[in-house]
Amino acid sequence: MTKAGYVYIMASRRNGTIYLGVTSDLAARSYQHRNGLIIGFTKTHYCKLLVWYEVHDDLENARLRELQMKKWNRQWKLSEIERMNPDWNDLFESLF
C-alpha cells in the first residue's frame, strides 16, 4: 500500500516569503510550521500560512512534483497559489 503525499506552500504573508515542501501528513506539518516547531527557513522567515497544497496518491509522486516545482521561478509559484487561493487565505483550518 502506498502512502499519500502532499506538496505545499507556506507563506509569511501575501506576496511575501514562500516555502515549498512535501509531507505525508499536511495537517501535522502545517501545525509545526505555524508554531515554529521546525528549526530553519520557515521559522526564520515567519512562513506560517498554508496558502497552497496539492494531494498525490503516492508520496514519491509528491516528491517528484516538489522537485519539479522547485525549479520554477517565483512568479510561476505565485500564479499557482493564486489559482487555488486568490485571497491568500490560510488554508490550515480547511484541513479539518
N, C-alpha and C. Protein backbone atom coordinates (compact mmCIF):
# COMPACT_ATOMS: atom_id res chain seq x y z
N MET A 1 0.84 -1.18 0.00
CA MET A 1 0.00 0.00 0.00
C MET A 1 0.89 1.25 0.00
N THR A 2 0.57 2.20 -0.86
CA THR A 2 1.36 3.42 -0.93
C THR A 2 0.78 4.48 -0.01
N LYS A 3 1.64 5.37 0.42
CA LYS A 3 1.25 6.44 1.33
C LYS A 3 0.98 7.70 0.51
N ALA A 4 -0.12 8.40 0.82
CA ALA A 4 -0.44 9.65 0.14
C ALA A 4 0.61 10.70 0.47
N GLY A 5 0.74 11.68 -0.41
CA GLY A 5 1.69 12.75 -0.20
C GLY A 5 1.09 14.09 -0.57
N TYR A 6 1.65 15.13 -0.03
CA TYR A 6 1.19 16.50 -0.27
C TYR A 6 2.38 17.38 -0.60
N VAL A 7 2.24 18.18 -1.62
CA VAL A 7 3.17 19.26 -1.90
C VAL A 7 2.47 20.50 -1.38
N TYR A 8 3.19 21.37 -0.69
CA TYR A 8 2.53 22.52 -0.07
C TYR A 8 3.42 23.75 -0.11
N ILE A 9 2.76 24.91 0.03
CA ILE A 9 3.48 26.18 0.11
C ILE A 9 3.03 26.91 1.36
N MET A 10 4.00 27.30 2.17
CA MET A 10 3.78 28.15 3.34
C MET A 10 4.25 29.55 2.96
N ALA A 11 3.61 30.58 3.51
CA ALA A 11 3.99 31.96 3.20
C ALA A 11 4.00 32.80 4.47
N SER A 12 4.78 33.86 4.43
CA SER A 12 4.82 34.79 5.56
C SER A 12 3.64 35.76 5.49
N ARG A 13 3.21 36.08 4.27
CA ARG A 13 2.07 36.98 4.02
C ARG A 13 1.83 36.96 2.52
N ARG A 14 0.81 37.65 2.07
CA ARG A 14 0.54 37.74 0.64
C ARG A 14 1.77 38.31 -0.08
N ASN A 15 2.22 37.61 -1.10
CA ASN A 15 3.39 38.01 -1.89
C ASN A 15 4.66 38.14 -1.06
N GLY A 16 4.68 37.54 0.12
CA GLY A 16 5.87 37.56 0.98
C GLY A 16 6.78 36.39 0.69
N THR A 17 7.55 36.01 1.67
CA THR A 17 8.44 34.88 1.56
C THR A 17 7.62 33.60 1.46
N ILE A 18 8.02 32.69 0.57
CA ILE A 18 7.30 31.43 0.43
C ILE A 18 8.27 30.26 0.59
N TYR A 19 7.71 29.14 1.03
CA TYR A 19 8.47 27.91 1.23
C TYR A 19 7.68 26.77 0.60
N LEU A 20 8.34 25.97 -0.20
CA LEU A 20 7.72 24.83 -0.86
C LEU A 20 8.24 23.56 -0.20
N GLY A 21 7.32 22.68 0.19
CA GLY A 21 7.73 21.45 0.84
C GLY A 21 6.85 20.27 0.46
N VAL A 22 7.19 19.09 1.00
CA VAL A 22 6.43 17.87 0.77
C VAL A 22 6.30 17.13 2.09
N THR A 23 5.17 16.45 2.28
CA THR A 23 4.93 15.73 3.52
C THR A 23 3.88 14.64 3.29
N SER A 24 3.82 13.70 4.21
CA SER A 24 2.76 12.69 4.17
C SER A 24 1.63 13.05 5.14
N ASP A 25 1.84 14.06 5.98
CA ASP A 25 0.82 14.49 6.94
C ASP A 25 0.74 16.02 6.93
N LEU A 26 -0.10 16.55 6.06
CA LEU A 26 -0.16 18.00 5.86
C LEU A 26 -0.64 18.75 7.10
N ALA A 27 -1.61 18.21 7.80
CA ALA A 27 -2.11 18.89 9.00
C ALA A 27 -1.02 19.02 10.06
N ALA A 28 -0.30 17.93 10.31
CA ALA A 28 0.76 17.96 11.32
C ALA A 28 1.90 18.87 10.90
N ARG A 29 2.31 18.79 9.64
CA ARG A 29 3.42 19.62 9.18
C ARG A 29 3.05 21.10 9.20
N SER A 30 1.82 21.43 8.80
CA SER A 30 1.37 22.83 8.85
C SER A 30 1.36 23.34 10.29
N TYR A 31 0.89 22.51 11.20
CA TYR A 31 0.90 22.88 12.62
C TYR A 31 2.32 23.17 13.10
N GLN A 32 3.26 22.34 12.70
CA GLN A 32 4.66 22.54 13.10
C GLN A 32 5.19 23.87 12.57
N HIS A 33 4.91 24.17 11.31
CA HIS A 33 5.36 25.45 10.73
C HIS A 33 4.69 26.63 11.44
N ARG A 34 3.39 26.55 11.66
CA ARG A 34 2.63 27.65 12.28
C ARG A 34 3.15 27.98 13.68
N ASN A 35 3.60 26.96 14.37
CA ASN A 35 4.02 27.15 15.76
C ASN A 35 5.54 27.20 15.94
N GLY A 36 6.26 27.34 14.84
CA GLY A 36 7.71 27.49 14.91
C GLY A 36 8.43 26.28 15.47
N LEU A 37 7.88 25.09 15.27
CA LEU A 37 8.47 23.88 15.83
C LEU A 37 9.56 23.28 14.93
N ILE A 38 9.66 23.78 13.70
CA ILE A 38 10.67 23.29 12.78
C ILE A 38 11.75 24.36 12.66
N ILE A 39 12.94 24.04 13.11
CA ILE A 39 14.06 24.97 13.04
C ILE A 39 14.49 25.10 11.58
N GLY A 40 14.70 26.31 11.12
CA GLY A 40 15.17 26.50 9.76
C GLY A 40 14.49 27.66 9.06
N PHE A 41 14.39 27.52 7.75
CA PHE A 41 13.92 28.60 6.89
C PHE A 41 12.55 29.15 7.29
N THR A 42 11.57 28.25 7.46
CA THR A 42 10.21 28.73 7.73
C THR A 42 10.11 29.45 9.07
N LYS A 43 10.86 29.02 10.04
CA LYS A 43 10.85 29.69 11.34
C LYS A 43 11.55 31.04 11.24
N THR A 44 12.70 31.08 10.59
CA THR A 44 13.46 32.31 10.44
C THR A 44 12.70 33.37 9.65
N HIS A 45 11.96 32.93 8.64
CA HIS A 45 11.26 33.85 7.73
C HIS A 45 9.76 33.95 8.01
N TYR A 46 9.30 33.40 9.13
CA TYR A 46 7.91 33.51 9.58
C TYR A 46 6.90 33.00 8.56
N CYS A 47 7.21 31.92 7.89
CA CYS A 47 6.28 31.30 6.94
C CYS A 47 5.32 30.42 7.72
N LYS A 48 4.20 31.00 8.10
CA LYS A 48 3.25 30.31 8.98
C LYS A 48 1.89 30.08 8.34
N LEU A 49 1.67 30.61 7.14
CA LEU A 49 0.38 30.49 6.48
C LEU A 49 0.43 29.40 5.41
N LEU A 50 -0.45 28.43 5.51
CA LEU A 50 -0.58 27.42 4.47
C LEU A 50 -1.43 28.04 3.36
N VAL A 51 -0.81 28.36 2.22
CA VAL A 51 -1.53 29.08 1.17
C VAL A 51 -1.83 28.23 -0.06
N TRP A 52 -1.19 27.06 -0.17
CA TRP A 52 -1.42 26.21 -1.34
C TRP A 52 -1.00 24.79 -0.99
N TYR A 53 -1.73 23.82 -1.55
CA TYR A 53 -1.29 22.43 -1.45
C TYR A 53 -1.89 21.61 -2.58
N GLU A 54 -1.26 20.49 -2.82
CA GLU A 54 -1.69 19.57 -3.87
C GLU A 54 -1.58 18.16 -3.31
N VAL A 55 -2.59 17.36 -3.52
CA VAL A 55 -2.65 15.99 -2.98
C VAL A 55 -2.20 15.00 -4.06
N HIS A 56 -1.39 14.04 -3.66
CA HIS A 56 -0.94 12.97 -4.55
C HIS A 56 -1.24 11.63 -3.89
N ASP A 57 -1.61 10.65 -4.69
CA ASP A 57 -1.91 9.31 -4.17
C ASP A 57 -0.67 8.63 -3.60
N ASP A 58 0.49 9.03 -4.08
CA ASP A 58 1.73 8.39 -3.70
C ASP A 58 2.75 9.44 -3.26
N LEU A 59 3.39 9.21 -2.13
CA LEU A 59 4.37 10.16 -1.59
C LEU A 59 5.53 10.39 -2.57
N GLU A 60 5.94 9.35 -3.26
CA GLU A 60 7.03 9.51 -4.23
C GLU A 60 6.64 10.45 -5.36
N ASN A 61 5.38 10.38 -5.81
CA ASN A 61 4.91 11.31 -6.84
C ASN A 61 4.90 12.74 -6.31
N ALA A 62 4.55 12.91 -5.06
CA ALA A 62 4.56 14.24 -4.44
C ALA A 62 5.99 14.77 -4.39
N ARG A 63 6.94 13.91 -4.06
CA ARG A 63 8.35 14.33 -4.02
C ARG A 63 8.84 14.76 -5.40
N LEU A 64 8.44 14.02 -6.42
CA LEU A 64 8.83 14.37 -7.78
C LEU A 64 8.23 15.72 -8.19
N ARG A 65 6.98 15.94 -7.82
CA ARG A 65 6.31 17.22 -8.12
C ARG A 65 7.01 18.36 -7.39
N GLU A 66 7.40 18.14 -6.14
CA GLU A 66 8.12 19.17 -5.39
C GLU A 66 9.43 19.52 -6.10
N LEU A 67 10.17 18.53 -6.52
CA LEU A 67 11.44 18.78 -7.22
C LEU A 67 11.21 19.55 -8.51
N GLN A 68 10.14 19.22 -9.21
CA GLN A 68 9.78 19.93 -10.44
C GLN A 68 9.48 21.39 -10.13
N MET A 69 8.66 21.62 -9.11
CA MET A 69 8.25 22.98 -8.77
C MET A 69 9.40 23.82 -8.21
N LYS A 70 10.35 23.19 -7.55
CA LYS A 70 11.50 23.94 -7.01
C LYS A 70 12.32 24.57 -8.13
N LYS A 71 12.20 24.04 -9.34
CA LYS A 71 12.89 24.61 -10.49
C LYS A 71 12.14 25.81 -11.09
N TRP A 72 10.89 25.97 -10.70
CA TRP A 72 10.09 27.07 -11.22
C TRP A 72 10.59 28.41 -10.70
N ASN A 73 10.35 29.46 -11.47
CA ASN A 73 10.66 30.78 -10.94
C ASN A 73 9.55 31.21 -9.98
N ARG A 74 9.83 32.23 -9.21
CA ARG A 74 8.90 32.69 -8.18
C ARG A 74 7.53 33.04 -8.74
N GLN A 75 7.48 33.71 -9.88
CA GLN A 75 6.19 34.15 -10.44
C GLN A 75 5.30 32.97 -10.77
N TRP A 76 5.87 31.88 -11.26
CA TRP A 76 5.07 30.70 -11.55
C TRP A 76 4.46 30.15 -10.27
N LYS A 77 5.23 30.14 -9.18
CA LYS A 77 4.70 29.66 -7.90
C LYS A 77 3.60 30.57 -7.39
N LEU A 78 3.79 31.88 -7.51
CA LEU A 78 2.76 32.82 -7.08
C LEU A 78 1.48 32.62 -7.89
N SER A 79 1.62 32.39 -9.18
CA SER A 79 0.45 32.15 -10.03
C SER A 79 -0.27 30.88 -9.61
N GLU A 80 0.49 29.85 -9.24
CA GLU A 80 -0.11 28.59 -8.77
C GLU A 80 -0.91 28.83 -7.49
N ILE A 81 -0.35 29.60 -6.57
CA ILE A 81 -1.05 29.94 -5.33
C ILE A 81 -2.36 30.66 -5.66
N GLU A 82 -2.28 31.66 -6.51
CA GLU A 82 -3.45 32.50 -6.79
C GLU A 82 -4.53 31.77 -7.57
N ARG A 83 -4.16 30.73 -8.32
CA ARG A 83 -5.19 29.92 -8.99
C ARG A 83 -6.03 29.18 -7.96
N MET A 84 -5.40 28.65 -6.93
CA MET A 84 -6.12 27.88 -5.91
C MET A 84 -6.69 28.78 -4.82
N ASN A 85 -5.98 29.83 -4.49
CA ASN A 85 -6.27 30.62 -3.30
C ASN A 85 -6.03 32.11 -3.60
N PRO A 86 -6.91 32.74 -4.40
CA PRO A 86 -6.67 34.11 -4.86
C PRO A 86 -6.54 35.14 -3.74
N ASP A 87 -7.12 34.88 -2.58
CA ASP A 87 -7.05 35.84 -1.47
C ASP A 87 -5.93 35.50 -0.48
N TRP A 88 -5.16 34.48 -0.78
CA TRP A 88 -4.06 34.05 0.09
C TRP A 88 -4.55 33.75 1.51
N ASN A 89 -5.71 33.14 1.62
CA ASN A 89 -6.23 32.74 2.93
C ASN A 89 -5.37 31.64 3.51
N ASP A 90 -5.32 31.56 4.83
CA ASP A 90 -4.63 30.47 5.50
C ASP A 90 -5.54 29.24 5.39
N LEU A 91 -5.09 28.20 4.73
CA LEU A 91 -5.90 27.01 4.48
C LEU A 91 -5.82 25.98 5.60
N PHE A 92 -5.08 26.26 6.64
CA PHE A 92 -4.88 25.30 7.72
C PHE A 92 -6.21 24.79 8.27
N GLU A 93 -7.12 25.68 8.59
CA GLU A 93 -8.41 25.26 9.19
C GLU A 93 -9.23 24.41 8.25
N SER A 94 -9.05 24.59 6.93
CA SER A 94 -9.83 23.82 5.96
C SER A 94 -9.40 22.35 5.92
N LEU A 95 -8.30 22.02 6.56
CA LEU A 95 -7.83 20.63 6.58
C LEU A 95 -8.63 19.75 7.52
N PHE A 96 -9.42 20.39 8.40
CA PHE A 96 -10.14 19.62 9.42
C PHE A 96 -11.61 19.55 9.17
